N, C-alpha and C. Protein backbone atom coordinates (compact mmCIF):
# COMPACT_ATOMS: atom_id res chain seq x y z
N UNK A 1 -15.00 -1.55 12.42
CA UNK A 1 -14.76 -1.58 10.99
C UNK A 1 -15.15 -0.23 10.40
N UNK A 2 -14.37 0.22 9.42
CA UNK A 2 -14.74 1.40 8.66
C UNK A 2 -14.34 1.18 7.21
N UNK A 3 -15.07 1.86 6.32
CA UNK A 3 -14.77 1.76 4.90
C UNK A 3 -14.54 3.15 4.33
N UNK A 4 -13.70 3.21 3.30
CA UNK A 4 -13.45 4.47 2.62
C UNK A 4 -13.08 4.20 1.18
N UNK A 5 -13.36 5.19 0.33
CA UNK A 5 -12.94 5.13 -1.06
C UNK A 5 -11.61 5.85 -1.15
N UNK A 6 -10.63 5.21 -1.75
CA UNK A 6 -9.31 5.82 -1.88
C UNK A 6 -9.06 6.17 -3.34
N UNK A 7 -8.77 7.43 -3.59
CA UNK A 7 -8.37 7.89 -4.92
C UNK A 7 -6.94 8.39 -4.76
N UNK A 8 -6.01 7.72 -5.41
CA UNK A 8 -4.63 8.12 -5.26
C UNK A 8 -3.88 7.97 -6.58
N UNK A 9 -2.84 8.77 -6.71
CA UNK A 9 -1.96 8.73 -7.88
C UNK A 9 -0.57 8.45 -7.37
N UNK A 10 0.15 7.58 -8.09
CA UNK A 10 1.48 7.17 -7.64
C UNK A 10 2.47 7.37 -8.76
N UNK A 11 3.71 7.57 -8.37
CA UNK A 11 4.79 7.67 -9.35
C UNK A 11 6.04 7.08 -8.71
N UNK A 12 6.69 6.17 -9.42
CA UNK A 12 7.97 5.66 -8.94
C UNK A 12 9.03 6.74 -9.12
N UNK A 13 9.98 6.77 -8.20
CA UNK A 13 11.04 7.77 -8.22
C UNK A 13 12.40 7.10 -8.22
N UNK A 14 13.38 7.80 -8.75
CA UNK A 14 14.77 7.37 -8.57
C UNK A 14 15.22 7.88 -7.20
N UNK A 15 16.39 7.43 -6.73
CA UNK A 15 16.92 7.91 -5.46
C UNK A 15 17.17 9.42 -5.52
N UNK A 16 17.62 9.90 -6.68
CA UNK A 16 17.88 11.34 -6.84
C UNK A 16 16.57 12.14 -6.78
N UNK A 17 15.52 11.63 -7.43
CA UNK A 17 14.23 12.32 -7.40
C UNK A 17 13.63 12.31 -5.99
N UNK A 18 13.80 11.20 -5.28
CA UNK A 18 13.36 11.12 -3.89
C UNK A 18 14.01 12.24 -3.07
N UNK A 19 15.33 12.40 -3.25
CA UNK A 19 16.07 13.45 -2.53
C UNK A 19 15.57 14.83 -2.94
N UNK A 20 15.24 15.01 -4.22
CA UNK A 20 14.75 16.31 -4.69
C UNK A 20 13.39 16.65 -4.10
N UNK A 21 12.50 15.65 -4.00
CA UNK A 21 11.18 15.89 -3.39
C UNK A 21 11.35 16.22 -1.90
N UNK A 22 12.23 15.47 -1.23
CA UNK A 22 12.51 15.77 0.18
C UNK A 22 12.93 17.22 0.35
N UNK A 23 13.84 17.66 -0.50
CA UNK A 23 14.36 19.03 -0.40
C UNK A 23 13.26 20.05 -0.72
N UNK A 24 12.47 19.78 -1.76
CA UNK A 24 11.43 20.72 -2.18
C UNK A 24 10.39 20.94 -1.08
N UNK A 25 10.08 19.89 -0.32
CA UNK A 25 9.07 19.99 0.74
C UNK A 25 9.69 20.08 2.14
N UNK A 26 11.01 20.25 2.19
CA UNK A 26 11.75 20.41 3.46
C UNK A 26 11.42 19.29 4.45
N UNK A 27 11.58 18.05 3.99
CA UNK A 27 11.28 16.88 4.83
C UNK A 27 12.58 16.34 5.40
N UNK A 28 12.82 16.61 6.68
CA UNK A 28 14.03 16.08 7.30
C UNK A 28 13.76 14.67 7.81
N UNK A 29 14.78 14.05 8.39
CA UNK A 29 14.65 12.66 8.85
C UNK A 29 13.50 12.50 9.84
N UNK A 30 13.26 13.53 10.65
CA UNK A 30 12.19 13.46 11.64
C UNK A 30 10.79 13.43 11.05
N UNK A 31 10.66 13.78 9.77
CA UNK A 31 9.34 13.77 9.12
C UNK A 31 8.90 12.36 8.73
N UNK A 32 9.83 11.42 8.71
CA UNK A 32 9.52 10.07 8.24
C UNK A 32 9.11 9.16 9.39
N UNK A 33 8.06 8.40 9.15
CA UNK A 33 7.55 7.42 10.12
C UNK A 33 7.60 6.04 9.49
N UNK A 34 7.93 5.06 10.30
CA UNK A 34 8.05 3.68 9.82
C UNK A 34 6.70 2.98 9.93
N UNK A 35 6.37 2.21 8.89
CA UNK A 35 5.20 1.35 8.95
C UNK A 35 5.56 0.02 8.29
N UNK A 36 4.94 -1.04 8.81
CA UNK A 36 5.16 -2.38 8.26
C UNK A 36 3.86 -2.86 7.63
N UNK A 37 3.97 -3.43 6.45
CA UNK A 37 2.82 -4.05 5.78
C UNK A 37 3.10 -5.54 5.66
N UNK A 38 2.19 -6.35 6.18
CA UNK A 38 2.29 -7.80 6.07
C UNK A 38 1.18 -8.25 5.13
N UNK A 39 1.56 -8.85 4.00
CA UNK A 39 0.60 -9.18 2.95
C UNK A 39 0.09 -10.61 3.05
N UNK A 40 -1.20 -10.76 2.73
CA UNK A 40 -1.88 -12.05 2.83
C UNK A 40 -2.54 -12.41 1.51
N UNK A 41 -2.62 -13.69 1.23
CA UNK A 41 -3.39 -14.22 0.11
C UNK A 41 -3.55 -15.71 0.36
N UNK A 42 -4.28 -16.37 -0.51
CA UNK A 42 -4.39 -17.83 -0.42
C UNK A 42 -3.21 -18.43 -1.20
N UNK A 43 -2.91 -19.71 -1.00
CA UNK A 43 -1.82 -20.33 -1.76
C UNK A 43 -2.01 -20.24 -3.28
N UNK A 44 -3.26 -20.16 -3.73
CA UNK A 44 -3.53 -20.04 -5.18
C UNK A 44 -3.70 -18.58 -5.62
N UNK A 45 -3.41 -17.63 -4.74
CA UNK A 45 -3.49 -16.19 -5.02
C UNK A 45 -4.88 -15.76 -5.49
N UNK A 46 -5.88 -16.20 -4.74
CA UNK A 46 -7.28 -15.87 -5.08
C UNK A 46 -7.54 -14.37 -5.02
N UNK A 47 -6.91 -13.67 -4.09
CA UNK A 47 -7.11 -12.21 -3.99
C UNK A 47 -6.43 -11.50 -5.16
N UNK A 48 -5.21 -11.88 -5.45
CA UNK A 48 -4.48 -11.27 -6.56
C UNK A 48 -5.27 -11.39 -7.86
N UNK A 49 -5.87 -12.55 -8.10
CA UNK A 49 -6.64 -12.78 -9.33
C UNK A 49 -7.83 -11.84 -9.43
N UNK A 50 -8.32 -11.33 -8.29
CA UNK A 50 -9.47 -10.41 -8.30
C UNK A 50 -9.03 -8.95 -8.12
N UNK A 51 -7.74 -8.69 -8.31
CA UNK A 51 -7.19 -7.34 -8.15
C UNK A 51 -7.52 -6.77 -6.76
N UNK A 52 -7.48 -7.65 -5.78
CA UNK A 52 -7.73 -7.26 -4.38
C UNK A 52 -6.45 -7.51 -3.57
N UNK A 53 -6.39 -6.92 -2.40
CA UNK A 53 -5.23 -7.09 -1.55
C UNK A 53 -5.67 -7.09 -0.09
N UNK A 54 -4.94 -7.84 0.72
CA UNK A 54 -5.21 -7.93 2.15
C UNK A 54 -3.89 -7.75 2.89
N UNK A 55 -3.91 -6.87 3.89
CA UNK A 55 -2.68 -6.63 4.63
C UNK A 55 -2.99 -6.32 6.08
N UNK A 56 -1.99 -6.54 6.92
CA UNK A 56 -1.96 -5.97 8.27
C UNK A 56 -0.92 -4.88 8.23
N UNK A 57 -1.31 -3.67 8.62
CA UNK A 57 -0.36 -2.56 8.72
C UNK A 57 -0.08 -2.31 10.19
N UNK A 58 1.19 -2.22 10.52
CA UNK A 58 1.64 -1.88 11.87
C UNK A 58 2.23 -0.48 11.79
N UNK A 59 1.59 0.45 12.51
CA UNK A 59 2.02 1.85 12.45
C UNK A 59 1.79 2.48 13.81
N UNK A 60 2.86 3.01 14.38
CA UNK A 60 2.81 3.69 15.68
C UNK A 60 2.12 2.84 16.74
N UNK A 61 2.46 1.56 16.75
CA UNK A 61 1.93 0.64 17.77
C UNK A 61 0.51 0.16 17.53
N UNK A 62 -0.11 0.56 16.40
CA UNK A 62 -1.47 0.12 16.08
C UNK A 62 -1.43 -0.91 14.96
N UNK A 63 -2.37 -1.83 15.01
CA UNK A 63 -2.47 -2.90 14.03
C UNK A 63 -3.82 -2.79 13.31
N UNK A 64 -3.78 -2.74 11.98
CA UNK A 64 -5.01 -2.61 11.21
C UNK A 64 -5.01 -3.62 10.07
N UNK A 65 -6.07 -4.40 10.00
CA UNK A 65 -6.29 -5.32 8.90
C UNK A 65 -7.08 -4.57 7.83
N UNK A 66 -6.57 -4.55 6.60
CA UNK A 66 -7.22 -3.81 5.52
C UNK A 66 -7.41 -4.69 4.29
N UNK A 67 -8.63 -4.68 3.78
CA UNK A 67 -8.94 -5.33 2.50
C UNK A 67 -9.14 -4.22 1.48
N UNK A 68 -8.38 -4.30 0.37
CA UNK A 68 -8.52 -3.32 -0.72
C UNK A 68 -9.16 -4.03 -1.90
N UNK A 69 -10.26 -3.46 -2.38
CA UNK A 69 -10.97 -4.01 -3.53
C UNK A 69 -11.04 -2.95 -4.62
N UNK A 70 -10.62 -3.31 -5.84
CA UNK A 70 -10.66 -2.37 -6.95
C UNK A 70 -12.08 -2.22 -7.45
N UNK A 71 -12.50 -0.96 -7.60
CA UNK A 71 -13.85 -0.67 -8.10
C UNK A 71 -13.80 -0.43 -9.61
N UNK A 72 -14.95 -0.45 -10.24
CA UNK A 72 -15.04 -0.30 -11.69
C UNK A 72 -14.42 1.00 -12.19
N UNK A 73 -14.48 2.07 -11.38
CA UNK A 73 -13.94 3.36 -11.81
C UNK A 73 -12.44 3.50 -11.55
N UNK A 74 -11.81 2.42 -11.05
CA UNK A 74 -10.38 2.44 -10.78
C UNK A 74 -10.01 2.85 -9.37
N UNK A 75 -10.96 3.38 -8.62
CA UNK A 75 -10.69 3.73 -7.23
C UNK A 75 -10.68 2.44 -6.40
N UNK A 76 -10.30 2.58 -5.15
CA UNK A 76 -10.23 1.43 -4.25
C UNK A 76 -11.22 1.58 -3.11
N UNK A 77 -11.92 0.50 -2.82
CA UNK A 77 -12.73 0.45 -1.61
C UNK A 77 -11.87 -0.23 -0.55
N UNK A 78 -11.60 0.50 0.51
CA UNK A 78 -10.79 -0.04 1.60
C UNK A 78 -11.67 -0.31 2.80
N UNK A 79 -11.57 -1.51 3.34
CA UNK A 79 -12.26 -1.88 4.56
C UNK A 79 -11.20 -2.12 5.63
N UNK A 80 -11.30 -1.36 6.72
CA UNK A 80 -10.31 -1.42 7.80
C UNK A 80 -10.93 -2.05 9.04
N UNK A 81 -10.18 -2.92 9.66
CA UNK A 81 -10.62 -3.56 10.91
C UNK A 81 -9.45 -3.49 11.90
N UNK A 82 -9.62 -2.79 13.03
CA UNK A 82 -8.53 -2.73 14.01
C UNK A 82 -8.31 -4.09 14.65
N UNK A 83 -7.04 -4.38 14.96
CA UNK A 83 -6.66 -5.63 15.61
C UNK A 83 -5.88 -5.32 16.87
N UNK A 84 -5.93 -6.23 17.81
CA UNK A 84 -5.02 -6.15 18.95
C UNK A 84 -3.68 -6.75 18.51
N UNK A 85 -2.64 -6.49 19.28
CA UNK A 85 -1.33 -7.06 18.95
C UNK A 85 -1.40 -8.58 18.92
N UNK A 86 -2.12 -9.19 19.85
CA UNK A 86 -2.19 -10.66 19.89
C UNK A 86 -2.99 -11.21 18.71
N UNK A 87 -4.04 -10.49 18.27
CA UNK A 87 -4.79 -10.93 17.09
C UNK A 87 -3.91 -10.87 15.84
N UNK A 88 -3.14 -9.79 15.72
CA UNK A 88 -2.23 -9.65 14.57
C UNK A 88 -1.18 -10.75 14.58
N UNK A 89 -0.59 -11.00 15.74
CA UNK A 89 0.44 -12.05 15.85
C UNK A 89 -0.14 -13.41 15.49
N UNK A 90 -1.37 -13.68 15.91
CA UNK A 90 -2.00 -14.96 15.60
C UNK A 90 -2.21 -15.11 14.08
N UNK A 91 -2.69 -14.05 13.42
CA UNK A 91 -2.88 -14.12 11.96
C UNK A 91 -1.55 -14.30 11.24
N UNK A 92 -0.53 -13.60 11.69
CA UNK A 92 0.79 -13.74 11.08
C UNK A 92 1.34 -15.16 11.25
N UNK A 93 0.94 -15.82 12.34
CA UNK A 93 1.40 -17.18 12.60
C UNK A 93 0.52 -18.24 11.91
N UNK A 94 -0.54 -17.79 11.19
CA UNK A 94 -1.35 -18.74 10.43
C UNK A 94 -2.71 -19.06 11.02
N UNK A 95 -3.12 -18.33 12.06
CA UNK A 95 -4.46 -18.56 12.63
C UNK A 95 -5.53 -18.20 11.59
N UNK A 96 -6.70 -18.84 11.66
CA UNK A 96 -7.76 -18.51 10.70
C UNK A 96 -8.29 -17.09 10.90
N UNK A 97 -8.77 -16.52 9.82
CA UNK A 97 -9.30 -15.16 9.81
C UNK A 97 -10.79 -15.18 10.12
N UNK A 98 -11.21 -14.31 11.07
CA UNK A 98 -12.62 -14.17 11.44
C UNK A 98 -12.99 -12.70 11.39
N UNK A 99 -14.26 -12.39 11.48
CA UNK A 99 -14.69 -11.00 11.55
C UNK A 99 -15.27 -10.49 10.23
N UNK A 100 -15.46 -9.18 10.19
CA UNK A 100 -16.10 -8.53 9.03
C UNK A 100 -15.36 -8.80 7.74
N UNK A 101 -14.04 -8.68 7.77
CA UNK A 101 -13.27 -8.88 6.54
C UNK A 101 -13.35 -10.33 6.09
N UNK A 102 -13.42 -11.27 7.03
CA UNK A 102 -13.59 -12.68 6.65
C UNK A 102 -14.91 -12.87 5.91
N UNK A 103 -15.95 -12.18 6.35
CA UNK A 103 -17.26 -12.25 5.67
C UNK A 103 -17.15 -11.68 4.25
N UNK A 104 -16.46 -10.54 4.11
CA UNK A 104 -16.29 -9.95 2.79
C UNK A 104 -15.51 -10.87 1.86
N UNK A 105 -14.48 -11.53 2.39
CA UNK A 105 -13.71 -12.47 1.57
C UNK A 105 -14.60 -13.61 1.09
N UNK A 106 -15.43 -14.14 2.00
CA UNK A 106 -16.36 -15.22 1.62
C UNK A 106 -17.29 -14.76 0.50
N UNK A 107 -17.77 -13.51 0.60
CA UNK A 107 -18.65 -12.97 -0.44
C UNK A 107 -17.93 -12.85 -1.78
N UNK A 108 -16.60 -12.72 -1.74
CA UNK A 108 -15.80 -12.66 -2.97
C UNK A 108 -15.47 -14.05 -3.50
N UNK A 109 -15.86 -15.08 -2.74
CA UNK A 109 -15.52 -16.44 -3.14
C UNK A 109 -14.15 -16.88 -2.68
N UNK A 110 -13.59 -16.16 -1.71
CA UNK A 110 -12.27 -16.49 -1.16
C UNK A 110 -12.46 -17.09 0.22
N UNK A 111 -11.91 -18.28 0.43
CA UNK A 111 -12.02 -18.95 1.74
C UNK A 111 -11.12 -18.24 2.75
N UNK A 112 -11.69 -17.56 3.75
CA UNK A 112 -10.86 -16.81 4.70
C UNK A 112 -9.94 -17.70 5.53
N UNK A 113 -10.27 -18.97 5.63
CA UNK A 113 -9.42 -19.87 6.41
C UNK A 113 -8.18 -20.33 5.64
N UNK A 114 -8.14 -20.03 4.35
CA UNK A 114 -6.98 -20.41 3.54
C UNK A 114 -5.99 -19.25 3.38
N UNK A 115 -6.32 -18.10 3.92
CA UNK A 115 -5.48 -16.92 3.79
C UNK A 115 -4.25 -17.06 4.70
N UNK A 116 -3.08 -16.77 4.11
CA UNK A 116 -1.82 -16.87 4.85
C UNK A 116 -0.94 -15.66 4.54
N UNK A 117 -0.08 -15.31 5.48
CA UNK A 117 0.88 -14.24 5.25
C UNK A 117 2.00 -14.78 4.36
N UNK A 118 2.34 -14.03 3.31
CA UNK A 118 3.40 -14.51 2.43
C UNK A 118 4.56 -13.53 2.32
N UNK A 119 4.53 -12.43 3.09
CA UNK A 119 5.68 -11.54 3.08
C UNK A 119 5.37 -10.18 3.65
N UNK A 120 6.44 -9.41 3.84
CA UNK A 120 6.32 -8.11 4.49
C UNK A 120 7.13 -7.05 3.74
N UNK A 121 6.69 -5.81 3.91
CA UNK A 121 7.35 -4.66 3.29
C UNK A 121 7.41 -3.57 4.34
N UNK A 122 8.56 -2.93 4.46
CA UNK A 122 8.75 -1.83 5.41
C UNK A 122 8.75 -0.52 4.62
N UNK A 123 8.01 0.46 5.09
CA UNK A 123 7.98 1.77 4.45
C UNK A 123 8.40 2.84 5.45
N UNK A 124 9.27 3.74 5.01
CA UNK A 124 9.55 4.97 5.74
C UNK A 124 8.79 6.05 4.98
N UNK A 125 7.79 6.66 5.62
CA UNK A 125 6.88 7.59 4.94
C UNK A 125 6.87 8.96 5.59
N UNK A 126 6.93 9.99 4.74
CA UNK A 126 6.70 11.37 5.18
C UNK A 126 5.43 11.85 4.48
N UNK A 127 4.58 12.57 5.21
CA UNK A 127 3.31 13.07 4.67
C UNK A 127 3.23 14.58 4.86
N UNK A 128 2.57 15.23 3.88
CA UNK A 128 2.29 16.66 4.05
C UNK A 128 1.07 17.01 3.21
N UNK A 129 0.37 18.05 3.61
CA UNK A 129 -0.77 18.52 2.85
C UNK A 129 -0.27 19.16 1.57
N UNK A 130 -1.04 18.95 0.48
CA UNK A 130 -0.67 19.55 -0.79
C UNK A 130 -1.93 19.75 -1.62
N UNK A 131 -2.28 20.99 -1.91
CA UNK A 131 -3.41 21.35 -2.76
C UNK A 131 -4.66 20.51 -2.49
N UNK A 132 -5.19 20.60 -1.31
CA UNK A 132 -6.43 19.92 -0.89
C UNK A 132 -6.32 18.41 -0.86
N UNK A 133 -5.11 17.90 -0.84
CA UNK A 133 -4.91 16.44 -0.75
C UNK A 133 -3.77 16.13 0.20
N UNK A 134 -3.32 14.89 0.16
CA UNK A 134 -2.24 14.43 1.02
C UNK A 134 -1.13 13.86 0.15
N UNK A 135 0.07 14.39 0.31
CA UNK A 135 1.22 13.92 -0.44
C UNK A 135 2.04 13.01 0.47
N UNK A 136 2.40 11.83 -0.04
CA UNK A 136 3.17 10.87 0.73
C UNK A 136 4.44 10.52 -0.03
N UNK A 137 5.57 10.66 0.62
CA UNK A 137 6.86 10.30 0.05
C UNK A 137 7.35 9.05 0.75
N UNK A 138 7.53 7.97 -0.02
CA UNK A 138 7.84 6.66 0.56
C UNK A 138 9.19 6.12 0.10
N UNK A 139 9.86 5.50 1.03
CA UNK A 139 11.05 4.68 0.75
C UNK A 139 10.69 3.29 1.25
N UNK A 140 10.70 2.29 0.35
CA UNK A 140 10.21 0.94 0.65
C UNK A 140 11.33 -0.08 0.60
N UNK A 141 11.29 -1.01 1.56
CA UNK A 141 12.27 -2.09 1.64
C UNK A 141 11.53 -3.42 1.65
N UNK A 142 11.88 -4.30 0.72
CA UNK A 142 11.24 -5.62 0.67
C UNK A 142 12.08 -6.57 -0.17
N UNK A 143 12.15 -7.82 0.28
CA UNK A 143 12.80 -8.88 -0.47
C UNK A 143 14.14 -8.45 -1.05
N UNK A 144 15.00 -7.94 -0.22
CA UNK A 144 16.35 -7.52 -0.59
C UNK A 144 16.35 -6.44 -1.67
N UNK A 145 15.30 -5.63 -1.73
CA UNK A 145 15.28 -4.53 -2.69
C UNK A 145 14.74 -3.28 -2.02
N UNK A 146 14.89 -2.17 -2.71
CA UNK A 146 14.48 -0.87 -2.18
C UNK A 146 13.92 -0.07 -3.35
N UNK A 147 12.82 0.65 -3.12
CA UNK A 147 12.32 1.55 -4.14
C UNK A 147 11.73 2.79 -3.49
N UNK A 148 11.42 3.77 -4.33
CA UNK A 148 10.94 5.07 -3.86
C UNK A 148 9.68 5.42 -4.64
N UNK A 149 8.71 6.06 -3.97
CA UNK A 149 7.52 6.48 -4.69
C UNK A 149 6.92 7.72 -4.05
N UNK A 150 6.17 8.42 -4.89
CA UNK A 150 5.42 9.59 -4.46
C UNK A 150 3.96 9.27 -4.69
N UNK A 151 3.13 9.47 -3.65
CA UNK A 151 1.69 9.22 -3.75
C UNK A 151 0.95 10.52 -3.45
N UNK A 152 -0.17 10.70 -4.14
CA UNK A 152 -1.02 11.85 -3.87
C UNK A 152 -2.44 11.33 -3.68
N UNK A 153 -2.98 11.50 -2.48
CA UNK A 153 -4.33 11.06 -2.15
C UNK A 153 -5.25 12.27 -2.23
N UNK A 154 -6.39 12.08 -2.89
CA UNK A 154 -7.30 13.19 -3.13
C UNK A 154 -8.74 12.70 -3.08
N UNK A 155 -9.68 13.62 -3.10
CA UNK A 155 -11.08 13.20 -3.11
C UNK A 155 -11.73 13.39 -4.48
N UNK A 156 -10.94 13.85 -5.46
CA UNK A 156 -11.47 14.05 -6.81
C UNK A 156 -10.46 13.55 -7.83
N UNK A 157 -10.84 12.55 -8.60
CA UNK A 157 -9.91 11.92 -9.54
C UNK A 157 -9.41 12.90 -10.60
N UNK A 158 -10.30 13.68 -11.16
CA UNK A 158 -9.91 14.56 -12.28
C UNK A 158 -8.97 15.67 -11.82
N UNK A 159 -9.39 16.45 -10.83
CA UNK A 159 -8.53 17.55 -10.38
C UNK A 159 -7.29 17.02 -9.67
N UNK A 160 -7.43 15.88 -8.98
CA UNK A 160 -6.28 15.28 -8.31
C UNK A 160 -5.19 14.89 -9.29
N UNK A 161 -5.58 14.29 -10.39
CA UNK A 161 -4.60 13.89 -11.40
C UNK A 161 -3.93 15.12 -12.01
N UNK A 162 -4.70 16.15 -12.28
CA UNK A 162 -4.13 17.39 -12.84
C UNK A 162 -3.10 17.99 -11.89
N UNK A 163 -3.44 18.04 -10.61
CA UNK A 163 -2.52 18.60 -9.60
C UNK A 163 -1.25 17.76 -9.51
N UNK A 164 -1.42 16.43 -9.51
CA UNK A 164 -0.27 15.53 -9.39
C UNK A 164 0.66 15.67 -10.60
N UNK A 165 0.10 15.72 -11.79
CA UNK A 165 0.92 15.86 -12.99
C UNK A 165 1.65 17.20 -13.03
N UNK A 166 0.97 18.26 -12.57
CA UNK A 166 1.62 19.57 -12.50
C UNK A 166 2.80 19.54 -11.52
N UNK A 167 2.60 18.86 -10.38
CA UNK A 167 3.67 18.76 -9.40
C UNK A 167 4.88 18.03 -9.99
N UNK A 168 4.63 16.90 -10.62
CA UNK A 168 5.74 16.14 -11.24
C UNK A 168 6.48 17.02 -12.25
N UNK A 169 5.72 17.72 -13.08
CA UNK A 169 6.33 18.58 -14.10
C UNK A 169 7.17 19.67 -13.45
N UNK A 170 6.65 20.28 -12.39
CA UNK A 170 7.38 21.37 -11.72
C UNK A 170 8.69 20.87 -11.10
N UNK A 171 8.72 19.59 -10.73
CA UNK A 171 9.93 19.00 -10.14
C UNK A 171 10.83 18.35 -11.18
N UNK A 172 10.38 18.35 -12.45
CA UNK A 172 11.18 17.73 -13.51
C UNK A 172 11.23 16.22 -13.44
N UNK A 173 10.16 15.63 -12.88
CA UNK A 173 10.11 14.17 -12.72
C UNK A 173 9.19 13.60 -13.80
N UNK A 174 9.70 12.65 -14.62
CA UNK A 174 8.83 12.05 -15.65
C UNK A 174 7.74 11.19 -15.03
N UNK A 175 6.62 11.10 -15.72
CA UNK A 175 5.49 10.27 -15.24
C UNK A 175 5.88 8.81 -15.38
N UNK A 176 5.85 8.11 -14.26
CA UNK A 176 6.10 6.67 -14.22
C UNK A 176 5.01 6.04 -13.36
N UNK A 177 3.89 5.66 -13.96
CA UNK A 177 2.84 5.04 -13.15
C UNK A 177 3.43 3.86 -12.36
N UNK A 178 3.03 3.78 -11.11
CA UNK A 178 3.59 2.76 -10.22
C UNK A 178 2.53 1.72 -9.88
N UNK A 179 2.83 0.44 -10.14
CA UNK A 179 1.94 -0.57 -9.58
C UNK A 179 1.92 -0.38 -8.05
N UNK A 180 0.86 -0.82 -7.39
CA UNK A 180 0.82 -0.64 -5.94
C UNK A 180 1.89 -1.50 -5.27
N UNK A 181 2.11 -1.25 -3.99
CA UNK A 181 3.19 -1.92 -3.27
C UNK A 181 3.07 -3.43 -3.32
N UNK A 182 1.86 -3.93 -3.13
CA UNK A 182 1.70 -5.39 -3.12
C UNK A 182 2.00 -5.98 -4.49
N UNK A 183 1.66 -5.28 -5.56
CA UNK A 183 1.96 -5.77 -6.91
C UNK A 183 3.47 -5.80 -7.13
N UNK A 184 4.18 -4.77 -6.66
CA UNK A 184 5.64 -4.74 -6.79
C UNK A 184 6.26 -5.85 -5.95
N UNK A 185 5.68 -6.07 -4.77
CA UNK A 185 6.15 -7.15 -3.91
C UNK A 185 6.00 -8.50 -4.63
N UNK A 186 4.80 -8.75 -5.20
CA UNK A 186 4.55 -10.00 -5.94
C UNK A 186 5.56 -10.18 -7.07
N UNK A 187 5.77 -9.11 -7.85
CA UNK A 187 6.68 -9.19 -9.00
C UNK A 187 8.09 -9.55 -8.55
N UNK A 188 8.55 -8.92 -7.47
CA UNK A 188 9.89 -9.21 -6.95
C UNK A 188 9.98 -10.64 -6.42
N UNK A 189 8.93 -11.08 -5.75
CA UNK A 189 8.90 -12.46 -5.22
C UNK A 189 8.98 -13.48 -6.36
N UNK A 190 8.21 -13.26 -7.42
CA UNK A 190 8.23 -14.17 -8.58
C UNK A 190 9.61 -14.16 -9.24
N UNK A 191 10.19 -12.97 -9.36
CA UNK A 191 11.52 -12.84 -9.95
C UNK A 191 12.55 -13.64 -9.15
N UNK A 192 12.49 -13.54 -7.82
CA UNK A 192 13.45 -14.26 -6.97
C UNK A 192 13.23 -15.76 -7.06
N UNK A 193 11.95 -16.20 -7.13
CA UNK A 193 11.67 -17.63 -7.21
C UNK A 193 12.15 -18.22 -8.54
N UNK A 194 12.05 -17.43 -9.62
CA UNK A 194 12.51 -17.90 -10.93
C UNK A 194 14.03 -18.08 -10.95
N UNK A 195 14.74 -17.24 -10.20
CA UNK A 195 16.21 -17.30 -10.17
C UNK A 195 16.71 -18.47 -9.33
N UNK A 196 15.88 -18.91 -8.36
CA UNK A 196 16.36 -19.96 -7.44
C UNK A 196 16.11 -21.35 -7.99
């Protein structure tokens, strides 16, 4: 298990802006890597109600269970727990959750045995260093929809935001704060359920 504080800034992009960022940073098809996010919550969305998220990320053959908890300053505390392929498959099939993250969920008042996978999102991501941080360009596919976003991960909220806003301005991209991927996934899922 490892923990880290994540400070990141996000902006939703149009398809044209996505192409412009790709061109500006010379990101060809080979720069993009595929990752899968499988999202978990209880049937009553106990994690969502606490502005927390739980996922299994599959990337380059590795499986990582991550709990994201929003801190008072707006940053995220991420707790990562590596999984074997068989452990990940068992959780995706509905097996009960055990381990460090299960303990953290219990401390939050969330029953880890009630946690279930409720959907998946595929991301094609390109990353590059940018002004002492990490810039991520994402194309996301989920629930018959597709969106694009630019993320900037940094270790300083104030200077990181200034750098990110300057970058957007230099590219002629308007500021569009982006809910995180799981929030967009939830919104799309609710929208589809209302239509059916």
